[in-house]
């Protein structure tokens, strides 16, 4: 299968990074996004911009989706399913197992191979081609897209053959990510409230056994400066946390068995209730700051 041209739907933080990586490795990208500014930015990197998702599916044999919500994924998939050229549809959005099964069934009915391809690592990692990728699909479909996906991922894990299995793995991954962030932010505020220099707290946590992705340099700088501009929005991870809890409930899993993860989810829910969904994930710390009566900012 030729992968000279790839369709790309959704040009947010992750979608744009995927597009840039593909372009950097010599792949022509035909892209679409409702946001004209996002589309223009990727056009500046060399992408061709389509006028609709359907046009992408009419001109590209492989289409990759990177979309912000379950509703958006359903709407775009409905357009793609009628495309005249698309043969493989790669869903990298985090949409949960139910939506993946529904979209996978829609594609199958239209003769399109569906690959559940959840990703982890963030936009900077995507631009380096070093994402972790969780794959679910039949052997033939995975074999067909693996040469393309290897340009995006340094670590590919075949989770299973059924749509939704990769989504489940991604939800497990992301609820741990959310819990790590919640605990790191709480610890930073605790240290600050006890009189420690917040910048020093970050440095020590990042140097020792408490090191995690929660306080990577860009996110820590966003907090300590008060800019809150590390990249991803609260709504995206909050959506993933809720999808994970929904999947657990649907399976009859007792939430009392995961008090740490369930408790961390409450902090994200508090941010959503506070109207912070559109803010940067680093702004989550404001919820803890408000409760503790202290802010974690570096001295000028």
C-alpha atoms as a PDB file:
ATOM      1  CA  UNK A   1       0.000   0.000   0.000  1.00  0.00           C
ATOM      2  CA  UNK A   2       1.343   3.406  -0.962  1.00  0.00           C
ATOM      3  CA  UNK A   3       1.664   5.884   1.870  1.00  0.00           C
ATOM      4  CA  UNK A   4       2.846   8.830  -0.208  1.00  0.00           C
ATOM      5  CA  UNK A   5      -0.207  10.854   0.820  1.00  0.00           C
ATOM      6  CA  UNK A   6      -1.985  10.549   4.162  1.00  0.00           C
ATOM      7  CA  UNK A   7      -5.218  12.170   5.240  1.00  0.00           C
ATOM      8  CA  UNK A   8      -5.240  13.887   8.635  1.00  0.00           C
ATOM      9  CA  UNK A   9      -8.388  15.016  10.438  1.00  0.00           C
ATOM     10  CA  UNK A  10      -8.047  17.227  13.502  1.00  0.00           C
ATOM     11  CA  UNK A  11      -5.217  19.733  13.891  1.00  0.00           C
ATOM     12  CA  UNK A  12      -5.189  20.472  17.604  1.00  0.00           C
ATOM     13  CA  UNK A  13      -2.033  20.059  19.702  1.00  0.00           C
ATOM     14  CA  UNK A  14      -1.606  16.373  18.913  1.00  0.00           C
ATOM     15  CA  UNK A  15      -3.028  16.397  15.392  1.00  0.00           C
ATOM     16  CA  UNK A  16      -0.779  19.250  14.335  1.00  0.00           C
ATOM     17  CA  UNK A  17       2.234  17.482  15.822  1.00  0.00           C
ATOM     18  CA  UNK A  18       1.367  14.294  13.929  1.00  0.00           C
ATOM     19  CA  UNK A  19       1.062  16.307  10.744  1.00  0.00           C
ATOM     20  CA  UNK A  20       4.389  18.030  11.226  1.00  0.00           C
ATOM     21  CA  UNK A  21       6.109  14.723  11.895  1.00  0.00           C
ATOM     22  CA  UNK A  22       4.653  13.114   8.785  1.00  0.00           C
ATOM     23  CA  UNK A  23       5.674  16.081   6.655  1.00  0.00           C
ATOM     24  CA  UNK A  24       9.182  16.010   8.125  1.00  0.00           C
ATOM     25  CA  UNK A  25       9.533  12.355   7.108  1.00  0.00           C
ATOM     26  CA  UNK A  26       8.531  12.995   3.511  1.00  0.00           C
ATOM     27  CA  UNK A  27       4.837  12.127   3.640  1.00  0.00           C
ATOM     28  CA  UNK A  28       2.395  14.396   1.832  1.00  0.00           C
ATOM     29  CA  UNK A  29      -0.428  15.383   4.174  1.00  0.00           C
ATOM     30  CA  UNK A  30      -3.972  16.270   3.125  1.00  0.00           C
ATOM     31  CA  UNK A  31      -5.519  17.783   6.243  1.00  0.00           C
ATOM     32  CA  UNK A  32      -8.787  19.218   7.503  1.00  0.00           C
ATOM     33  CA  UNK A  33      -9.912  21.018  10.627  1.00  0.00           C
ATOM     34  CA  UNK A  34     -12.885  23.237  11.410  1.00  0.00           C
ATOM     35  CA  UNK A  35     -10.423  25.748  12.850  1.00  0.00           C
ATOM     36  CA  UNK A  36      -9.078  27.734   9.895  1.00  0.00           C
ATOM     37  CA  UNK A  37      -6.156  29.079  11.929  1.00  0.00           C
ATOM     38  CA  UNK A  38      -5.025  25.583  12.878  1.00  0.00           C
ATOM     39  CA  UNK A  39      -5.288  24.530   9.245  1.00  0.00           C
ATOM     40  CA  UNK A  40      -3.277  27.547   8.118  1.00  0.00           C
ATOM     41  CA  UNK A  41      -0.503  26.748  10.586  1.00  0.00           C
ATOM     42  CA  UNK A  42      -0.080  23.228   9.207  1.00  0.00           C
ATOM     43  CA  UNK A  43      -0.295  24.585   5.657  1.00  0.00           C
ATOM     44  CA  UNK A  44       2.721  26.686   6.609  1.00  0.00           C
ATOM     45  CA  UNK A  45       4.575  23.437   7.231  1.00  0.00           C
ATOM     46  CA  UNK A  46       3.662  22.144   3.792  1.00  0.00           C
ATOM     47  CA  UNK A  47       0.327  20.381   4.230  1.00  0.00           C
ATOM     48  CA  UNK A  48      -2.451  20.621   1.643  1.00  0.00           C
ATOM     49  CA  UNK A  49      -5.697  21.744   3.271  1.00  0.00           C
ATOM     50  CA  UNK A  50      -8.994  20.156   2.286  1.00  0.00           C
ATOM     51  CA  UNK A  51     -12.414  21.786   2.552  1.00  0.00           C
ATOM     52  CA  UNK A  52     -14.029  18.858   4.373  1.00  0.00           C
ATOM     53  CA  UNK A  53     -13.398  15.492   5.979  1.00  0.00           C
ATOM     54  CA  UNK A  54     -15.189  13.901   3.043  1.00  0.00           C
ATOM     55  CA  UNK A  55     -12.720  15.427   0.587  1.00  0.00           C
ATOM     56  CA  UNK A  56      -9.870  13.917   2.589  1.00  0.00           C
ATOM     57  CA  UNK A  57     -11.560  10.493   2.466  1.00  0.00           C
ATOM     58  CA  UNK A  58     -12.116  10.888  -1.281  1.00  0.00           C
ATOM     59  CA  UNK A  59      -8.423  11.497  -1.953  1.00  0.00           C
ATOM     60  CA  UNK A  60      -6.395   9.572   0.649  1.00  0.00           C
ATOM     61  CA  UNK A  61      -6.236   5.800   1.112  1.00  0.00           C
ATOM     62  CA  UNK A  62      -5.105   6.152   4.724  1.00  0.00           C
ATOM     63  CA  UNK A  63      -6.839   8.651   6.994  1.00  0.00           C
ATOM     64  CA  UNK A  64      -5.683   9.436  10.542  1.00  0.00           C
ATOM     65  CA  UNK A  65      -8.076  11.074  13.004  1.00  0.00           C
ATOM     66  CA  UNK A  66      -6.949  13.093  16.028  1.00  0.00           C
ATOM     67  CA  UNK A  67     -10.077  14.712  17.431  1.00  0.00           C
ATOM     68  CA  UNK A  68     -10.996  16.337  20.757  1.00  0.00           C
ATOM     69  CA  UNK A  69     -14.256  14.628  21.682  1.00  0.00           C
ATOM     70  CA  UNK A  70     -16.410  11.565  21.201  1.00  0.00           C
ATOM     71  CA  UNK A  71     -19.034  13.654  19.407  1.00  0.00           C
ATOM     72  CA  UNK A  72     -16.467  15.065  16.980  1.00  0.00           C
ATOM     73  CA  UNK A  73     -15.121  11.593  16.277  1.00  0.00           C
ATOM     74  CA  UNK A  74     -18.588  10.256  15.470  1.00  0.00           C
ATOM     75  CA  UNK A  75     -19.399  13.199  13.194  1.00  0.00           C
ATOM     76  CA  UNK A  76     -16.135  13.008  11.269  1.00  0.00           C
ATOM     77  CA  UNK A  77     -16.277   9.223  10.954  1.00  0.00           C
ATOM     78  CA  UNK A  78     -19.738   9.483   9.392  1.00  0.00           C
ATOM     79  CA  UNK A  79     -18.256  11.699   6.665  1.00  0.00           C
ATOM     80  CA  UNK A  80     -15.229   9.489   6.140  1.00  0.00           C
ATOM     81  CA  UNK A  81     -17.291   6.306   5.855  1.00  0.00           C
ATOM     82  CA  UNK A  82     -18.662   7.455   2.487  1.00  0.00           C
ATOM     83  CA  UNK A  83     -15.255   8.344   1.053  1.00  0.00           C
ATOM     84  CA  UNK A  84     -14.271   6.906  -2.315  1.00  0.00           C
ATOM     85  CA  UNK A  85     -10.533   6.426  -1.672  1.00  0.00           C
ATOM     86  CA  UNK A  86     -10.100   5.693   2.038  1.00  0.00           C
ATOM     87  CA  UNK A  87      -9.230   2.079   2.815  1.00  0.00           C
ATOM     88  CA  UNK A  88      -7.707   2.369   6.289  1.00  0.00           C
ATOM     89  CA  UNK A  89      -9.001   4.615   9.064  1.00  0.00           C
ATOM     90  CA  UNK A  90      -6.621   5.131  11.989  1.00  0.00           C
ATOM     91  CA  UNK A  91      -8.318   6.508  15.105  1.00  0.00           C
ATOM     92  CA  UNK A  92      -5.770   8.123  17.434  1.00  0.00           C
ATOM     93  CA  UNK A  93      -8.358  10.149  19.374  1.00  0.00           C
ATOM     94  CA  UNK A  94      -9.191   9.099  22.935  1.00  0.00           C
ATOM     95  CA  UNK A  95     -12.870   8.200  22.664  1.00  0.00           C
ATOM     96  CA  UNK A  96     -13.372   5.144  24.878  1.00  0.00           C
ATOM     97  CA  UNK A  97     -14.154   1.557  23.939  1.00  0.00           C
ATOM     98  CA  UNK A  98     -17.841   1.990  23.116  1.00  0.00           C
ATOM     99  CA  UNK A  99     -17.267   4.744  20.562  1.00  0.00           C
ATOM    100  CA  UNK A 100     -14.339   2.847  19.034  1.00  0.00           C
ATOM    101  CA  UNK A 101     -16.526  -0.221  18.551  1.00  0.00           C
ATOM    102  CA  UNK A 102     -19.316   1.870  17.022  1.00  0.00           C
ATOM    103  CA  UNK A 103     -16.996   3.691  14.623  1.00  0.00           C
ATOM    104  CA  UNK A 104     -15.172   0.468  13.822  1.00  0.00           C
ATOM    105  CA  UNK A 105     -18.465  -1.164  12.904  1.00  0.00           C
ATOM    106  CA  UNK A 106     -19.415   1.785  10.704  1.00  0.00           C
ATOM    107  CA  UNK A 107     -16.126   1.541   8.843  1.00  0.00           C
ATOM    108  CA  UNK A 108     -16.391  -2.212   8.422  1.00  0.00           C
ATOM    109  CA  UNK A 109     -19.854  -1.894   6.902  1.00  0.00           C
ATOM    110  CA  UNK A 110     -18.366   0.469   4.330  1.00  0.00           C
ATOM    111  CA  UNK A 111     -15.426  -1.759   3.470  1.00  0.00           C
ATOM    112  CA  UNK A 112     -12.885   0.331   5.399  1.00  0.00           C
ATOM    113  CA  UNK A 113     -10.332  -1.226   7.741  1.00  0.00           C
ATOM    114  CA  UNK A 114     -10.433   0.346  11.206  1.00  0.00           C
ATOM    115  CA  UNK A 115      -7.366   0.623  13.408  1.00  0.00           C
ATOM    116  CA  UNK A 116      -7.801   1.653  17.044  1.00  0.00           C
ATOM    117  CA  UNK A 117      -4.489   3.470  17.576  1.00  0.00           C
ATOM    118  CA  UNK A 118      -4.420   5.323  20.867  1.00  0.00           C
ATOM    119  CA  UNK A 119      -1.265   7.376  21.482  1.00  0.00           C
ATOM    120  CA  UNK A 120       0.612   8.601  24.528  1.00  0.00           C
ATOM    121  CA  UNK A 121       3.477  11.017  24.985  1.00  0.00           C
ATOM    122  CA  UNK A 122       2.252  14.485  24.090  1.00  0.00           C
ATOM    123  CA  UNK A 123       2.828  16.813  21.165  1.00  0.00           C
ATOM    124  CA  UNK A 124       6.584  17.438  21.680  1.00  0.00           C
ATOM    125  CA  UNK A 125       7.182  13.681  21.683  1.00  0.00           C
ATOM    126  CA  UNK A 126       4.999  13.275  18.585  1.00  0.00           C
ATOM    127  CA  UNK A 127       7.137  15.776  16.687  1.00  0.00           C
ATOM    128  CA  UNK A 128      10.166  13.563  17.394  1.00  0.00           C
ATOM    129  CA  UNK A 129       8.360  10.419  16.223  1.00  0.00           C
ATOM    130  CA  UNK A 130       8.679   8.885  19.684  1.00  0.00           C
ATOM    131  CA  UNK A 131       5.065   8.357  20.742  1.00  0.00           C
ATOM    132  CA  UNK A 132       3.950   5.211  22.507  1.00  0.00           C
ATOM    133  CA  UNK A 133       1.180   3.737  20.393  1.00  0.00           C
ATOM    134  CA  UNK A 134      -1.406   1.181  21.456  1.00  0.00           C
ATOM    135  CA  UNK A 135      -2.901  -0.722  18.534  1.00  0.00           C
ATOM    136  CA  UNK A 136      -5.968  -2.885  18.091  1.00  0.00           C
ATOM    137  CA  UNK A 137      -7.030  -4.326  14.755  1.00  0.00           C
ATOM    138  CA  UNK A 138      -6.832  -7.421  12.619  1.00  0.00           C
ATOM    139  CA  UNK A 139      -3.405  -8.642  11.562  1.00  0.00           C
ATOM    140  CA  UNK A 140      -3.731  -7.565   7.928  1.00  0.00           C
ATOM    141  CA  UNK A 141      -4.807  -4.021   8.803  1.00  0.00           C
ATOM    142  CA  UNK A 142      -2.025  -3.571  11.339  1.00  0.00           C
ATOM    143  CA  UNK A 143       0.556  -4.891   8.875  1.00  0.00           C
ATOM    144  CA  UNK A 144      -0.663  -2.453   6.229  1.00  0.00           C
ATOM    145  CA  UNK A 145      -0.326   0.684   8.368  1.00  0.00           C
ATOM    146  CA  UNK A 146       2.676  -0.291  10.481  1.00  0.00           C
ATOM    147  CA  UNK A 147       5.254   1.265   8.070  1.00  0.00           C
ATOM    148  CA  UNK A 148       3.393   4.557   8.324  1.00  0.00           C
ATOM    149  CA  UNK A 149       2.830   4.446  12.062  1.00  0.00           C
ATOM    150  CA  UNK A 150       6.480   3.608  12.674  1.00  0.00           C
ATOM    151  CA  UNK A 151       7.243   7.162  11.567  1.00  0.00           C
ATOM    152  CA  UNK A 152       5.191   8.405  14.509  1.00  0.00           C
ATOM    153  CA  UNK A 153       5.938   5.851  17.189  1.00  0.00           C
ATOM    154  CA  UNK A 154       9.073   4.433  18.750  1.00  0.00           C
ATOM    155  CA  UNK A 155       7.060   1.921  20.796  1.00  0.00           C
ATOM    156  CA  UNK A 156       4.075   0.132  19.295  1.00  0.00           C
ATOM    157  CA  UNK A 157       2.072  -2.288  21.388  1.00  0.00           C
ATOM    158  CA  UNK A 158      -0.460  -4.636  19.832  1.00  0.00           C
ATOM    159  CA  UNK A 159      -3.156  -4.721  22.504  1.00  0.00           C
ATOM    160  CA  UNK A 160      -5.643  -6.922  20.666  1.00  0.00           C
ATOM    161  CA  UNK A 161      -7.647  -7.478  17.524  1.00  0.00           C
ATOM    162  CA  UNK A 162     -10.932  -5.812  18.485  1.00  0.00           C
ATOM    163  CA  UNK A 163     -11.733  -2.075  18.282  1.00  0.00           C
ATOM    164  CA  UNK A 164     -11.835  -0.586  21.765  1.00  0.00           C
ATOM    165  CA  UNK A 165      -9.038  -2.634  23.291  1.00  0.00           C
ATOM    166  CA  UNK A 166      -6.408   0.014  22.595  1.00  0.00           C
ATOM    167  CA  UNK A 167      -8.810   2.623  23.962  1.00  0.00           C
ATOM    168  CA  UNK A 168      -9.052   0.726  27.242  1.00  0.00           C
ATOM    169  CA  UNK A 169      -5.270   0.676  27.551  1.00  0.00           C
ATOM    170  CA  UNK A 170      -5.132   4.413  26.854  1.00  0.00           C
ATOM    171  CA  UNK A 171      -7.730   5.104  29.544  1.00  0.00           C
ATOM    172  CA  UNK A 172      -5.689   3.148  32.079  1.00  0.00           C
ATOM    173  CA  UNK A 173      -2.643   5.154  31.007  1.00  0.00           C
ATOM    174  CA  UNK A 174      -4.398   8.502  31.224  1.00  0.00           C
ATOM    175  CA  UNK A 175      -6.047   8.009  34.577  1.00  0.00           C
ATOM    176  CA  UNK A 176      -2.573   7.312  35.965  1.00  0.00           C
ATOM    177  CA  UNK A 177      -1.328  10.471  34.220  1.00  0.00           C
ATOM    178  CA  UNK A 178      -4.160  12.466  35.798  1.00  0.00           C
ATOM    179  CA  UNK A 179      -3.468  10.999  39.238  1.00  0.00           C
ATOM    180  CA  UNK A 180       0.255  11.736  38.927  1.00  0.00           C
ATOM    181  CA  UNK A 181      -0.508  15.326  38.045  1.00  0.00           C
ATOM    182  CA  UNK A 182      -2.977  15.730  40.898  1.00  0.00           C
ATOM    183  CA  UNK A 183      -0.595  14.289  43.499  1.00  0.00           C
ATOM    184  CA  UNK A 184       2.391  16.287  42.228  1.00  0.00           C
ATOM    185  CA  UNK A 185       0.429  19.542  42.269  1.00  0.00           C
ATOM    186  CA  UNK A 186      -0.859  18.833  45.778  1.00  0.00           C
ATOM    187  CA  UNK A 187       2.665  18.011  46.988  1.00  0.00           C
ATOM    188  CA  UNK A 188       4.002  21.234  45.452  1.00  0.00           C
ATOM    189  CA  UNK A 189       1.376  23.259  47.286  1.00  0.00           C
ATOM    190  CA  UNK A 190       1.989  21.357  50.527  1.00  0.00           C
ATOM    191  CA  UNK A 191       5.699  22.092  50.332  1.00  0.00           C
ATOM    192  CA  UNK A 192       5.039  25.746  49.550  1.00  0.00           C
ATOM    193  CA  UNK A 193       2.557  26.046  52.434  1.00  0.00           C
ATOM    194  CA  UNK A 194       5.198  24.560  54.781  1.00  0.00           C
ATOM    195  CA  UNK A 195       7.609  27.314  53.788  1.00  0.00           C
ATOM    196  CA  UNK A 196       9.686  25.678  51.097  1.00  0.00           C
ATOM    197  CA  UNK A 197      10.693  27.481  47.919  1.00  0.00           C
ATOM    198  CA  UNK A 198       8.348  26.137  45.204  1.00  0.00           C
ATOM    199  CA  UNK A 199      11.047  26.195  42.525  1.00  0.00           C
ATOM    200  CA  UNK A 200      13.283  24.139  44.809  1.00  0.00           C
ATOM    201  CA  UNK A 201      10.439  21.700  45.470  1.00  0.00           C
ATOM    202  CA  UNK A 202      10.092  21.151  41.718  1.00  0.00           C
ATOM    203  CA  UNK A 203      13.833  20.657  41.257  1.00  0.00           C
ATOM    204  CA  UNK A 204      14.077  18.100  44.055  1.00  0.00           C
ATOM    205  CA  UNK A 205      10.990  16.166  42.971  1.00  0.00           C
ATOM    206  CA  UNK A 206      12.325  15.991  39.424  1.00  0.00           C
ATOM    207  CA  UNK A 207      15.758  14.828  40.581  1.00  0.00           C
ATOM    208  CA  UNK A 208      14.701  12.010  42.894  1.00  0.00           C
ATOM    209  CA  UNK A 209      12.341   9.101  43.351  1.00  0.00           C
ATOM    210  CA  UNK A 210       9.231  11.294  42.931  1.00  0.00           C
ATOM    211  CA  UNK A 211      10.103  12.196  39.356  1.00  0.00           C
ATOM    212  CA  UNK A 212       7.193  11.882  36.916  1.00  0.00           C
ATOM    213  CA  UNK A 213       5.781  13.477  33.788  1.00  0.00           C
ATOM    214  CA  UNK A 214       3.565  15.640  36.003  1.00  0.00           C
ATOM    215  CA  UNK A 215       6.234  18.310  36.468  1.00  0.00           C
ATOM    216  CA  UNK A 216       8.140  18.255  33.207  1.00  0.00           C
ATOM    217  CA  UNK A 217      10.059  21.468  32.588  1.00  0.00           C
ATOM    218  CA  UNK A 218       7.436  23.158  30.438  1.00  0.00           C
ATOM    219  CA  UNK A 219       4.597  22.417  32.862  1.00  0.00           C
ATOM    220  CA  UNK A 220       6.625  23.399  35.928  1.00  0.00           C
ATOM    221  CA  UNK A 221       7.609  26.689  34.264  1.00  0.00           C
ATOM    222  CA  UNK A 222       3.963  27.358  33.388  1.00  0.00           C
ATOM    223  CA  UNK A 223       3.015  26.996  37.062  1.00  0.00           C
ATOM    224  CA  UNK A 224       5.928  28.820  38.645  1.00  0.00           C
ATOM    225  CA  UNK A 225       5.589  31.761  36.246  1.00  0.00           C
ATOM    226  CA  UNK A 226       1.798  31.915  36.506  1.00  0.00           C
ATOM    227  CA  UNK A 227       1.493  31.754  32.706  1.00  0.00           C
ATOM    228  CA  UNK A 228      -0.367  28.410  32.716  1.00  0.00           C
ATOM    229  CA  UNK A 229       0.502  27.722  29.099  1.00  0.00           C
ATOM    230  CA  UNK A 230       2.036  24.245  28.975  1.00  0.00           C
ATOM    231  CA  UNK A 231      -0.222  23.122  26.118  1.00  0.00           C
ATOM    232  CA  UNK A 232      -3.033  20.601  26.713  1.00  0.00           C
ATOM    233  CA  UNK A 233      -6.424  21.727  28.014  1.00  0.00           C
ATOM    234  CA  UNK A 234      -8.061  20.495  31.206  1.00  0.00           C
ATOM    235  CA  UNK A 235     -11.133  19.353  29.272  1.00  0.00           C
ATOM    236  CA  UNK A 236      -9.166  16.775  27.276  1.00  0.00           C
ATOM    237  CA  UNK A 237      -7.744  14.926  30.250  1.00  0.00           C
ATOM    238  CA  UNK A 238     -10.930  15.364  32.268  1.00  0.00           C
ATOM    239  CA  UNK A 239     -12.776  13.654  29.402  1.00  0.00           C
ATOM    240  CA  UNK A 240     -10.326  10.747  29.538  1.00  0.00           C
ATOM    241  CA  UNK A 241     -10.658  10.423  33.306  1.00  0.00           C
ATOM    242  CA  UNK A 242     -14.432  10.255  33.033  1.00  0.00           C
ATOM    243  CA  UNK A 243     -14.250   7.724  30.198  1.00  0.00           C
ATOM    244  CA  UNK A 244     -12.023   5.533  32.389  1.00  0.00           C
ATOM    245  CA  UNK A 245     -14.457   5.698  35.302  1.00  0.00           C
ATOM    246  CA  UNK A 246     -17.366   4.983  32.960  1.00  0.00           C
ATOM    247  CA  UNK A 247     -15.574   1.932  31.578  1.00  0.00           C
ATOM    248  CA  UNK A 248     -14.872   0.709  35.105  1.00  0.00           C
ATOM    249  CA  UNK A 249     -18.500   1.162  36.119  1.00  0.00           C
ATOM    250  CA  UNK A 250     -19.760  -0.578  32.977  1.00  0.00           C
ATOM    251  CA  UNK A 251     -17.561  -3.570  33.812  1.00  0.00           C
ATOM    252  CA  UNK A 252     -18.862  -3.678  37.383  1.00  0.00           C
ATOM    253  CA  UNK A 253     -15.449  -2.745  38.766  1.00  0.00           C
ATOM    254  CA  UNK A 254     -15.680  -1.490  42.391  1.00  0.00           C
ATOM    255  CA  UNK A 255     -14.388   2.069  42.554  1.00  0.00           C
ATOM    256  CA  UNK A 256     -13.578   1.565  46.236  1.00  0.00           C
ATOM    257  CA  UNK A 257     -10.784  -0.715  45.022  1.00  0.00           C
ATOM    258  CA  UNK A 258      -9.017   2.296  43.455  1.00  0.00           C
ATOM    259  CA  UNK A 259      -9.351   5.076  46.060  1.00  0.00           C
ATOM    260  CA  UNK A 260      -6.200   6.865  44.867  1.00  0.00           C
ATOM    261  CA  UNK A 261      -7.318   7.049  41.239  1.00  0.00           C
ATOM    262  CA  UNK A 262     -10.904   7.847  42.169  1.00  0.00           C
ATOM    263  CA  UNK A 263      -9.788  10.585  44.553  1.00  0.00           C
ATOM    264  CA  UNK A 264      -7.544  12.164  41.938  1.00  0.00           C
ATOM    265  CA  UNK A 265     -10.470  12.180  39.528  1.00  0.00           C
ATOM    266  CA  UNK A 266     -12.356  14.415  41.964  1.00  0.00           C
ATOM    267  CA  UNK A 267      -9.755  17.168  41.559  1.00  0.00           C
ATOM    268  CA  UNK A 268     -10.267  17.127  37.794  1.00  0.00           C
ATOM    269  CA  UNK A 269     -14.022  17.156  38.292  1.00  0.00           C
ATOM    270  CA  UNK A 270     -13.636  20.181  40.603  1.00  0.00           C
ATOM    271  CA  UNK A 271     -11.766  22.030  37.858  1.00  0.00           C
ATOM    272  CA  UNK A 272     -14.514  21.227  35.380  1.00  0.00           C
ATOM    273  CA  UNK A 273     -17.177  22.461  37.810  1.00  0.00           C
ATOM    274  CA  UNK A 274     -15.167  25.656  38.301  1.00  0.00           C
ATOM    275  CA  UNK A 275     -15.457  26.426  34.587  1.00  0.00           C
ATOM    276  CA  UNK A 276     -11.787  25.712  33.879  1.00  0.00           C
ATOM    277  CA  UNK A 277     -12.294  23.181  31.086  1.00  0.00           C
ATOM    278  CA  UNK A 278     -10.743  25.437  28.458  1.00  0.00           C
ATOM    279  CA  UNK A 279      -7.707  26.318  30.566  1.00  0.00           C
ATOM    280  CA  UNK A 280      -4.277  24.732  30.407  1.00  0.00           C
ATOM    281  CA  UNK A 281      -3.748  21.594  32.514  1.00  0.00           C
ATOM    282  CA  UNK A 282      -1.155  23.432  34.585  1.00  0.00           C
ATOM    283  CA  UNK A 283      -3.959  25.701  35.839  1.00  0.00           C
ATOM    284  CA  UNK A 284      -5.373  22.699  37.718  1.00  0.00           C
ATOM    285  CA  UNK A 285      -3.037  23.699  40.531  1.00  0.00           C
ATOM    286  CA  UNK A 286      -5.217  26.751  41.160  1.00  0.00           C
ATOM    287  CA  UNK A 287      -7.882  24.469  42.645  1.00  0.00           C
ATOM    288  CA  UNK A 288      -5.369  23.250  45.244  1.00  0.00           C
ATOM    289  CA  UNK A 289      -3.985  26.753  45.784  1.00  0.00           C
ATOM    290  CA  UNK A 290      -7.436  28.150  46.513  1.00  0.00           C
ATOM    291  CA  UNK A 291      -8.125  25.455  49.101  1.00  0.00           C
ATOM    292  CA  UNK A 292      -4.712  25.804  50.756  1.00  0.00           C
ATOM    293  CA  UNK A 293      -4.557  29.597  50.654  1.00  0.00           C
ATOM    294  CA  UNK A 294      -1.103  29.700  49.073  1.00  0.00           C
ATOM    295  CA  UNK A 295       0.290  30.042  45.564  1.00  0.00           C
ATOM    296  CA  UNK A 296       3.349  28.315  44.109  1.00  0.00           C
ATOM    297  CA  UNK A 297       5.220  30.955  42.134  1.00  0.00           C
ATOM    298  CA  UNK A 298       8.926  31.474  41.651  1.00  0.00           C
ATOM    299  CA  UNK A 299      10.398  34.669  43.077  1.00  0.00           C
ATOM    300  CA  UNK A 300      11.147  37.377  40.503  1.00  0.00           C
END
